[in-house]
């Protein structure tokens, strides 16, 4: 199993860097053989939505942001771990608020719901190193596109 780890500290460039990594990983065949283009896009969407949430909303309390992205593809699924040194928040409460409080066809505020729908497993908590840790997986077998709220 291949594991890839990347560290980021510049919130202004993290999104571009991660999208460039996904393009590189796709060219290198990191997600093959079971992940087709749609599943790769699903994984990319999940990572993008979490990182966009960090860039737009995270409180780093005057600390230099520290974000690590670990991907663990094993053919059938890709497990992703994103850790950061932000103040964190209660993901379950935010998801419930979003599910109960969105307007029909909203322009914003769908990122966490899309992340939740795109993943087969999702866990967020303070890690042993004091950083917040999001762990999720995307499976080659699941087809969650119809679960993503639009």
N, C-alpha and C. Protein backbone atom coordinates (compact mmCIF):
# COMPACT_ATOMS: atom_id res chain seq x y z
N UNK A 1 0.85 -1.17 0.00
CA UNK A 1 0.00 0.00 0.00
C UNK A 1 0.90 1.24 0.00
N UNK A 2 0.58 2.17 -0.85
CA UNK A 2 1.29 3.43 -0.96
C UNK A 2 0.64 4.43 -0.03
N UNK A 3 1.45 5.17 0.70
CA UNK A 3 0.94 6.26 1.53
C UNK A 3 1.63 7.53 1.07
N UNK A 4 0.88 8.57 0.94
CA UNK A 4 1.45 9.84 0.55
C UNK A 4 1.11 10.88 1.59
N UNK A 5 2.11 11.64 2.04
CA UNK A 5 1.91 12.67 3.07
C UNK A 5 2.43 14.00 2.54
N UNK A 6 1.62 15.03 2.77
CA UNK A 6 2.00 16.38 2.37
C UNK A 6 1.65 17.35 3.48
N UNK A 7 2.50 18.36 3.64
CA UNK A 7 2.30 19.38 4.67
C UNK A 7 2.10 20.74 4.01
N UNK A 8 1.22 21.52 4.63
CA UNK A 8 0.91 22.85 4.10
C UNK A 8 0.86 23.84 5.25
N UNK A 9 1.27 25.07 4.99
CA UNK A 9 1.16 26.11 6.01
C UNK A 9 0.65 27.43 5.44
N UNK A 10 0.51 27.51 4.13
CA UNK A 10 0.05 28.74 3.48
C UNK A 10 -1.40 28.56 3.03
N UNK A 11 -2.32 29.19 3.76
CA UNK A 11 -3.74 29.06 3.42
C UNK A 11 -4.07 29.65 2.06
N UNK A 12 -3.26 30.59 1.59
CA UNK A 12 -3.52 31.22 0.29
C UNK A 12 -3.21 30.28 -0.88
N UNK A 13 -2.36 29.28 -0.67
CA UNK A 13 -1.96 28.43 -1.79
C UNK A 13 -2.34 26.96 -1.62
N UNK A 14 -2.86 26.58 -0.44
CA UNK A 14 -3.12 25.17 -0.18
C UNK A 14 -4.06 24.55 -1.21
N UNK A 15 -5.10 25.27 -1.62
CA UNK A 15 -6.07 24.70 -2.56
C UNK A 15 -5.42 24.40 -3.91
N UNK A 16 -4.65 25.35 -4.43
CA UNK A 16 -3.97 25.13 -5.70
C UNK A 16 -2.97 23.97 -5.60
N UNK A 17 -2.25 23.91 -4.48
CA UNK A 17 -1.27 22.84 -4.30
C UNK A 17 -1.94 21.47 -4.25
N UNK A 18 -3.05 21.37 -3.56
CA UNK A 18 -3.74 20.08 -3.46
C UNK A 18 -4.34 19.66 -4.80
N UNK A 19 -4.90 20.60 -5.55
CA UNK A 19 -5.44 20.24 -6.86
C UNK A 19 -4.32 19.80 -7.80
N UNK A 20 -3.16 20.43 -7.71
CA UNK A 20 -2.01 20.01 -8.51
C UNK A 20 -1.56 18.60 -8.10
N UNK A 21 -1.61 18.31 -6.80
CA UNK A 21 -1.26 16.96 -6.34
C UNK A 21 -2.23 15.93 -6.90
N UNK A 22 -3.53 16.23 -6.88
CA UNK A 22 -4.50 15.28 -7.42
C UNK A 22 -4.25 15.03 -8.91
N UNK A 23 -3.93 16.06 -9.65
CA UNK A 23 -3.62 15.87 -11.07
C UNK A 23 -2.40 14.97 -11.24
N UNK A 24 -1.38 15.20 -10.42
CA UNK A 24 -0.18 14.37 -10.47
C UNK A 24 -0.51 12.92 -10.10
N UNK A 25 -1.25 12.73 -9.00
CA UNK A 25 -1.60 11.38 -8.56
C UNK A 25 -2.42 10.64 -9.61
N UNK A 26 -3.32 11.37 -10.27
CA UNK A 26 -4.13 10.73 -11.30
C UNK A 26 -3.26 10.31 -12.49
N UNK A 27 -2.34 11.18 -12.90
CA UNK A 27 -1.42 10.84 -13.99
C UNK A 27 -0.54 9.64 -13.64
N UNK A 28 -0.13 9.54 -12.38
CA UNK A 28 0.73 8.45 -11.92
C UNK A 28 -0.03 7.15 -11.67
N UNK A 29 -1.37 7.21 -11.69
CA UNK A 29 -2.17 6.01 -11.46
C UNK A 29 -2.26 5.59 -10.00
N UNK A 30 -2.12 6.54 -9.08
CA UNK A 30 -2.14 6.23 -7.65
C UNK A 30 -3.44 5.55 -7.22
N UNK A 31 -4.54 5.90 -7.85
CA UNK A 31 -5.84 5.39 -7.43
C UNK A 31 -6.30 4.16 -8.21
N UNK A 32 -5.49 3.71 -9.12
CA UNK A 32 -5.86 2.55 -9.94
C UNK A 32 -5.65 1.27 -9.14
N UNK A 33 -6.29 0.19 -9.48
CA UNK A 33 -7.08 -0.03 -10.69
C UNK A 33 -8.58 0.20 -10.51
N UNK A 34 -9.09 0.24 -9.30
CA UNK A 34 -10.55 0.25 -9.11
C UNK A 34 -11.18 1.63 -9.12
N UNK A 35 -10.39 2.67 -8.94
CA UNK A 35 -10.96 4.01 -8.90
C UNK A 35 -11.01 4.60 -10.30
N UNK A 36 -12.22 4.77 -10.80
CA UNK A 36 -12.37 5.42 -12.10
C UNK A 36 -12.35 6.94 -11.90
N UNK A 37 -12.48 7.66 -12.97
CA UNK A 37 -12.40 9.13 -12.92
C UNK A 37 -13.45 9.74 -11.99
N UNK A 38 -14.67 9.19 -11.98
CA UNK A 38 -15.72 9.70 -11.10
C UNK A 38 -15.35 9.53 -9.63
N UNK A 39 -14.78 8.38 -9.28
CA UNK A 39 -14.39 8.14 -7.88
C UNK A 39 -13.22 9.03 -7.48
N UNK A 40 -12.32 9.29 -8.39
CA UNK A 40 -11.21 10.21 -8.10
C UNK A 40 -11.77 11.61 -7.86
N UNK A 41 -12.74 12.01 -8.67
CA UNK A 41 -13.37 13.33 -8.48
C UNK A 41 -14.09 13.40 -7.13
N UNK A 42 -14.69 12.29 -6.72
CA UNK A 42 -15.37 12.24 -5.44
C UNK A 42 -14.37 12.44 -4.29
N UNK A 43 -13.23 11.76 -4.37
CA UNK A 43 -12.18 11.92 -3.36
C UNK A 43 -11.66 13.36 -3.36
N UNK A 44 -11.45 13.86 -4.55
CA UNK A 44 -10.96 15.25 -4.68
C UNK A 44 -11.97 16.24 -4.09
N UNK A 45 -13.26 16.01 -4.33
CA UNK A 45 -14.31 16.86 -3.78
C UNK A 45 -14.28 16.84 -2.25
N UNK A 46 -14.15 15.67 -1.67
CA UNK A 46 -14.14 15.55 -0.22
C UNK A 46 -12.96 16.31 0.38
N UNK A 47 -11.77 16.13 -0.18
CA UNK A 47 -10.59 16.84 0.31
C UNK A 47 -10.76 18.34 0.11
N UNK A 48 -11.23 18.73 -1.07
CA UNK A 48 -11.43 20.15 -1.37
C UNK A 48 -12.38 20.81 -0.37
N UNK A 49 -13.49 20.17 -0.10
CA UNK A 49 -14.50 20.77 0.79
C UNK A 49 -13.95 20.96 2.20
N UNK A 50 -13.17 19.99 2.68
CA UNK A 50 -12.62 20.15 4.02
C UNK A 50 -11.58 21.26 4.06
N UNK A 51 -10.68 21.26 3.08
CA UNK A 51 -9.64 22.29 3.06
C UNK A 51 -10.24 23.68 2.84
N UNK A 52 -11.27 23.78 2.00
CA UNK A 52 -11.94 25.07 1.81
C UNK A 52 -12.55 25.55 3.12
N UNK A 53 -13.09 24.63 3.90
CA UNK A 53 -13.64 24.98 5.21
C UNK A 53 -12.53 25.51 6.13
N UNK A 54 -11.37 24.87 6.11
CA UNK A 54 -10.25 25.35 6.91
C UNK A 54 -9.80 26.74 6.47
N UNK A 55 -9.67 26.93 5.16
CA UNK A 55 -9.22 28.22 4.63
C UNK A 55 -10.20 29.33 4.98
N UNK A 56 -11.49 29.07 4.84
CA UNK A 56 -12.49 30.12 5.02
C UNK A 56 -12.92 30.34 6.47
N UNK A 57 -12.90 29.28 7.28
CA UNK A 57 -13.55 29.39 8.59
C UNK A 57 -12.70 29.03 9.80
N UNK A 58 -11.60 28.35 9.61
CA UNK A 58 -10.84 27.86 10.76
C UNK A 58 -10.19 28.99 11.54
N UNK A 59 -10.15 28.82 12.85
CA UNK A 59 -9.50 29.77 13.75
C UNK A 59 -8.15 29.17 14.15
N UNK A 60 -7.07 29.75 13.65
CA UNK A 60 -5.73 29.30 13.98
C UNK A 60 -5.11 30.14 15.10
N UNK A 61 -5.88 31.08 15.66
CA UNK A 61 -5.46 31.88 16.82
C UNK A 61 -4.04 32.41 16.70
N UNK A 62 -3.77 33.10 15.63
CA UNK A 62 -2.47 33.72 15.38
C UNK A 62 -1.31 32.74 15.27
N UNK A 63 -1.60 31.46 15.16
CA UNK A 63 -0.56 30.45 14.92
C UNK A 63 -0.38 30.30 13.42
N UNK A 64 0.81 29.95 13.01
CA UNK A 64 1.03 29.58 11.62
C UNK A 64 0.25 28.29 11.36
N UNK A 65 -0.61 28.27 10.36
CA UNK A 65 -1.36 27.05 10.09
C UNK A 65 -0.44 25.87 9.79
N UNK A 66 -0.80 24.74 10.34
CA UNK A 66 -0.13 23.48 10.05
C UNK A 66 -1.20 22.49 9.60
N UNK A 67 -1.13 22.08 8.36
CA UNK A 67 -2.10 21.13 7.81
C UNK A 67 -1.32 19.99 7.19
N UNK A 68 -1.68 18.77 7.53
CA UNK A 68 -1.08 17.61 6.87
C UNK A 68 -2.20 16.83 6.18
N UNK A 69 -1.87 16.30 5.03
CA UNK A 69 -2.79 15.48 4.23
C UNK A 69 -2.11 14.15 3.99
N UNK A 70 -2.72 13.09 4.47
CA UNK A 70 -2.24 11.73 4.25
C UNK A 70 -3.28 10.97 3.45
N UNK A 71 -2.87 10.35 2.36
CA UNK A 71 -3.75 9.48 1.58
C UNK A 71 -3.20 8.06 1.63
N UNK A 72 -4.10 7.11 1.82
CA UNK A 72 -3.74 5.72 1.92
C UNK A 72 -4.61 4.91 0.94
N UNK A 73 -4.26 4.86 -0.33
CA UNK A 73 -5.05 4.06 -1.27
C UNK A 73 -4.70 2.58 -1.13
N UNK A 74 -5.71 1.72 -1.19
CA UNK A 74 -5.44 0.28 -1.14
C UNK A 74 -6.19 -0.47 -2.24
N UNK A 75 -6.56 0.22 -3.30
CA UNK A 75 -7.27 -0.43 -4.40
C UNK A 75 -8.77 -0.31 -4.28
N UNK A 76 -9.35 -0.83 -3.20
CA UNK A 76 -10.79 -0.81 -3.00
C UNK A 76 -11.30 0.51 -2.44
N UNK A 77 -10.46 1.18 -1.68
CA UNK A 77 -10.86 2.44 -1.07
C UNK A 77 -9.63 3.29 -0.84
N UNK A 78 -9.88 4.55 -0.62
CA UNK A 78 -8.82 5.47 -0.25
C UNK A 78 -9.20 6.05 1.10
N UNK A 79 -8.30 5.90 2.05
CA UNK A 79 -8.49 6.51 3.37
C UNK A 79 -7.69 7.80 3.39
N UNK A 80 -8.29 8.83 3.91
CA UNK A 80 -7.67 10.15 3.95
C UNK A 80 -7.68 10.65 5.39
N UNK A 81 -6.55 11.21 5.81
CA UNK A 81 -6.44 11.84 7.12
C UNK A 81 -5.91 13.25 6.90
N UNK A 82 -6.66 14.22 7.41
CA UNK A 82 -6.23 15.62 7.36
C UNK A 82 -6.16 16.12 8.80
N UNK A 83 -4.97 16.56 9.20
CA UNK A 83 -4.79 17.11 10.54
C UNK A 83 -4.44 18.58 10.43
N UNK A 84 -4.88 19.34 11.44
CA UNK A 84 -4.57 20.77 11.46
C UNK A 84 -4.48 21.26 12.89
N UNK A 85 -3.85 22.40 13.05
CA UNK A 85 -3.67 22.98 14.38
C UNK A 85 -4.65 24.12 14.68
N UNK A 86 -5.82 24.07 14.06
CA UNK A 86 -6.85 25.09 14.33
C UNK A 86 -7.52 24.81 15.67
N UNK A 87 -8.42 25.71 16.05
CA UNK A 87 -9.18 25.54 17.29
C UNK A 87 -10.23 24.44 17.17
N UNK A 88 -10.58 24.05 15.94
CA UNK A 88 -11.56 22.98 15.73
C UNK A 88 -12.98 23.42 16.01
N UNK A 89 -13.91 22.50 15.86
CA UNK A 89 -15.33 22.76 16.10
C UNK A 89 -16.04 21.42 16.23
N UNK A 90 -17.31 21.44 16.54
CA UNK A 90 -18.10 20.22 16.69
C UNK A 90 -18.75 19.89 15.34
N UNK A 91 -18.17 18.96 14.61
CA UNK A 91 -18.65 18.62 13.27
C UNK A 91 -20.09 18.11 13.29
N UNK A 92 -20.42 17.27 14.27
CA UNK A 92 -21.77 16.71 14.32
C UNK A 92 -22.82 17.82 14.48
N UNK A 93 -22.54 18.81 15.32
CA UNK A 93 -23.47 19.92 15.51
C UNK A 93 -23.59 20.74 14.22
N UNK A 94 -22.46 21.01 13.58
CA UNK A 94 -22.49 21.78 12.32
C UNK A 94 -23.28 21.04 11.25
N UNK A 95 -23.08 19.72 11.13
CA UNK A 95 -23.82 18.95 10.13
C UNK A 95 -25.32 18.99 10.40
N UNK A 96 -25.69 18.82 11.65
CA UNK A 96 -27.11 18.86 12.02
C UNK A 96 -27.70 20.24 11.72
N UNK A 97 -26.98 21.30 12.08
CA UNK A 97 -27.44 22.66 11.78
C UNK A 97 -27.64 22.85 10.28
N UNK A 98 -26.69 22.36 9.50
CA UNK A 98 -26.78 22.51 8.04
C UNK A 98 -27.96 21.73 7.48
N UNK A 99 -28.16 20.51 7.96
CA UNK A 99 -29.25 19.69 7.45
C UNK A 99 -30.60 20.31 7.75
N UNK A 100 -30.70 20.96 8.89
CA UNK A 100 -31.99 21.52 9.32
C UNK A 100 -32.20 22.97 8.91
N UNK A 101 -31.16 23.66 8.46
CA UNK A 101 -31.31 25.08 8.26
C UNK A 101 -30.99 25.62 6.88
N UNK A 102 -30.85 24.76 5.90
CA UNK A 102 -30.52 25.26 4.56
C UNK A 102 -31.76 25.65 3.77
N UNK A 103 -31.62 26.71 3.04
CA UNK A 103 -32.66 27.08 2.08
C UNK A 103 -32.61 26.09 0.93
N UNK A 104 -33.70 26.00 0.19
CA UNK A 104 -33.71 25.16 -1.00
C UNK A 104 -32.79 25.79 -2.05
N UNK A 105 -31.91 24.99 -2.63
CA UNK A 105 -30.93 25.41 -3.63
C UNK A 105 -30.05 26.56 -3.13
N UNK A 106 -29.35 26.36 -2.02
CA UNK A 106 -28.50 27.43 -1.48
C UNK A 106 -27.27 27.65 -2.34
N UNK A 107 -26.75 28.86 -2.31
CA UNK A 107 -25.53 29.17 -3.04
C UNK A 107 -24.30 28.81 -2.24
N UNK A 108 -24.39 28.80 -0.93
CA UNK A 108 -23.26 28.51 -0.05
C UNK A 108 -23.72 27.62 1.10
N UNK A 109 -22.74 27.07 1.80
CA UNK A 109 -23.05 26.31 3.01
C UNK A 109 -23.25 24.83 2.82
N UNK A 110 -22.89 24.30 1.66
CA UNK A 110 -23.12 22.89 1.36
C UNK A 110 -21.89 22.01 1.56
N UNK A 111 -20.74 22.62 1.80
CA UNK A 111 -19.47 21.88 1.82
C UNK A 111 -19.43 20.70 2.78
N UNK A 112 -19.82 20.93 4.02
CA UNK A 112 -19.78 19.84 5.00
C UNK A 112 -20.79 18.74 4.67
N UNK A 113 -21.96 19.14 4.17
CA UNK A 113 -22.95 18.13 3.77
C UNK A 113 -22.45 17.31 2.59
N UNK A 114 -21.78 17.96 1.65
CA UNK A 114 -21.21 17.23 0.51
C UNK A 114 -20.11 16.29 0.97
N UNK A 115 -19.27 16.74 1.88
CA UNK A 115 -18.22 15.89 2.43
C UNK A 115 -18.84 14.67 3.11
N UNK A 116 -19.85 14.88 3.91
CA UNK A 116 -20.51 13.79 4.61
C UNK A 116 -21.13 12.79 3.63
N UNK A 117 -21.77 13.30 2.60
CA UNK A 117 -22.42 12.42 1.62
C UNK A 117 -21.42 11.68 0.74
N UNK A 118 -20.28 12.28 0.48
CA UNK A 118 -19.29 11.70 -0.44
C UNK A 118 -18.45 10.60 0.19
N UNK A 119 -18.51 10.46 1.51
CA UNK A 119 -17.63 9.53 2.19
C UNK A 119 -18.40 8.35 2.77
N UNK A 120 -17.73 7.20 2.84
CA UNK A 120 -18.37 6.03 3.45
C UNK A 120 -18.12 6.00 4.95
N UNK A 121 -17.08 6.67 5.40
CA UNK A 121 -16.72 6.75 6.80
C UNK A 121 -16.21 8.16 7.04
N UNK A 122 -16.62 8.78 8.15
CA UNK A 122 -16.20 10.15 8.46
C UNK A 122 -16.08 10.29 9.97
N UNK A 123 -14.90 10.74 10.42
CA UNK A 123 -14.66 10.92 11.85
C UNK A 123 -13.80 12.16 12.04
N UNK A 124 -14.18 13.01 13.01
CA UNK A 124 -13.44 14.23 13.29
C UNK A 124 -13.29 14.37 14.79
N UNK A 125 -12.05 14.54 15.25
CA UNK A 125 -11.78 14.66 16.68
C UNK A 125 -10.40 15.24 16.90
N UNK A 126 -10.14 15.58 18.14
CA UNK A 126 -8.80 16.03 18.51
C UNK A 126 -7.90 14.81 18.52
N UNK A 127 -6.77 14.90 17.81
CA UNK A 127 -5.83 13.79 17.74
C UNK A 127 -4.92 13.74 18.96
N UNK A 128 -4.12 12.71 19.03
CA UNK A 128 -3.22 12.53 20.17
C UNK A 128 -2.12 13.59 20.21
N UNK A 129 -1.85 14.22 19.09
CA UNK A 129 -0.81 15.26 19.04
C UNK A 129 -1.37 16.66 19.33
N UNK A 130 -2.64 16.75 19.72
CA UNK A 130 -3.26 18.04 20.01
C UNK A 130 -3.86 18.71 18.79
N UNK A 131 -3.57 18.20 17.61
CA UNK A 131 -4.16 18.75 16.39
C UNK A 131 -5.53 18.11 16.19
N UNK A 132 -6.35 18.76 15.38
CA UNK A 132 -7.64 18.17 15.02
C UNK A 132 -7.43 17.24 13.83
N UNK A 133 -8.15 16.14 13.85
CA UNK A 133 -7.93 15.08 12.87
C UNK A 133 -9.25 14.70 12.21
N UNK A 134 -9.31 14.89 10.90
CA UNK A 134 -10.44 14.41 10.12
C UNK A 134 -9.97 13.15 9.40
N UNK A 135 -10.72 12.09 9.54
CA UNK A 135 -10.41 10.85 8.82
C UNK A 135 -11.66 10.43 8.06
N UNK A 136 -11.49 10.09 6.80
CA UNK A 136 -12.61 9.60 6.02
C UNK A 136 -12.11 8.64 4.97
N UNK A 137 -13.03 7.90 4.39
CA UNK A 137 -12.67 7.00 3.30
C UNK A 137 -13.73 7.10 2.20
N UNK A 138 -13.26 6.84 1.01
CA UNK A 138 -14.11 6.77 -0.17
C UNK A 138 -13.88 5.40 -0.77
N UNK A 139 -14.95 4.71 -1.08
CA UNK A 139 -14.87 3.34 -1.58
C UNK A 139 -15.10 3.29 -3.09
N UNK A 140 -14.41 2.39 -3.72
CA UNK A 140 -14.61 2.16 -5.16
C UNK A 140 -15.96 1.52 -5.42
N UNK A 141 -16.54 0.87 -4.40
CA UNK A 141 -17.80 0.15 -4.57
C UNK A 141 -19.04 1.02 -4.37
N UNK A 142 -18.94 2.07 -3.56
CA UNK A 142 -20.10 2.91 -3.26
C UNK A 142 -20.36 3.90 -4.38
N UNK A 143 -21.61 4.33 -4.49
CA UNK A 143 -21.96 5.36 -5.44
C UNK A 143 -22.79 6.43 -4.72
N UNK A 144 -22.10 7.33 -4.00
CA UNK A 144 -22.82 8.30 -3.18
C UNK A 144 -23.30 9.54 -3.93
N UNK A 145 -23.08 9.63 -5.23
CA UNK A 145 -23.44 10.86 -5.95
C UNK A 145 -24.89 11.26 -5.73
N UNK A 146 -25.77 10.28 -5.63
CA UNK A 146 -27.18 10.62 -5.45
C UNK A 146 -27.49 11.09 -4.03
N UNK A 147 -26.56 10.86 -3.10
CA UNK A 147 -26.75 11.30 -1.72
C UNK A 147 -26.27 12.72 -1.48
N UNK A 148 -25.53 13.29 -2.42
CA UNK A 148 -25.01 14.63 -2.23
C UNK A 148 -26.17 15.61 -2.38
N UNK A 149 -26.39 16.44 -1.36
CA UNK A 149 -27.53 17.36 -1.40
C UNK A 149 -27.31 18.49 -2.41
N UNK A 150 -28.26 18.69 -3.26
CA UNK A 150 -28.18 19.77 -4.25
C UNK A 150 -29.37 20.69 -4.09
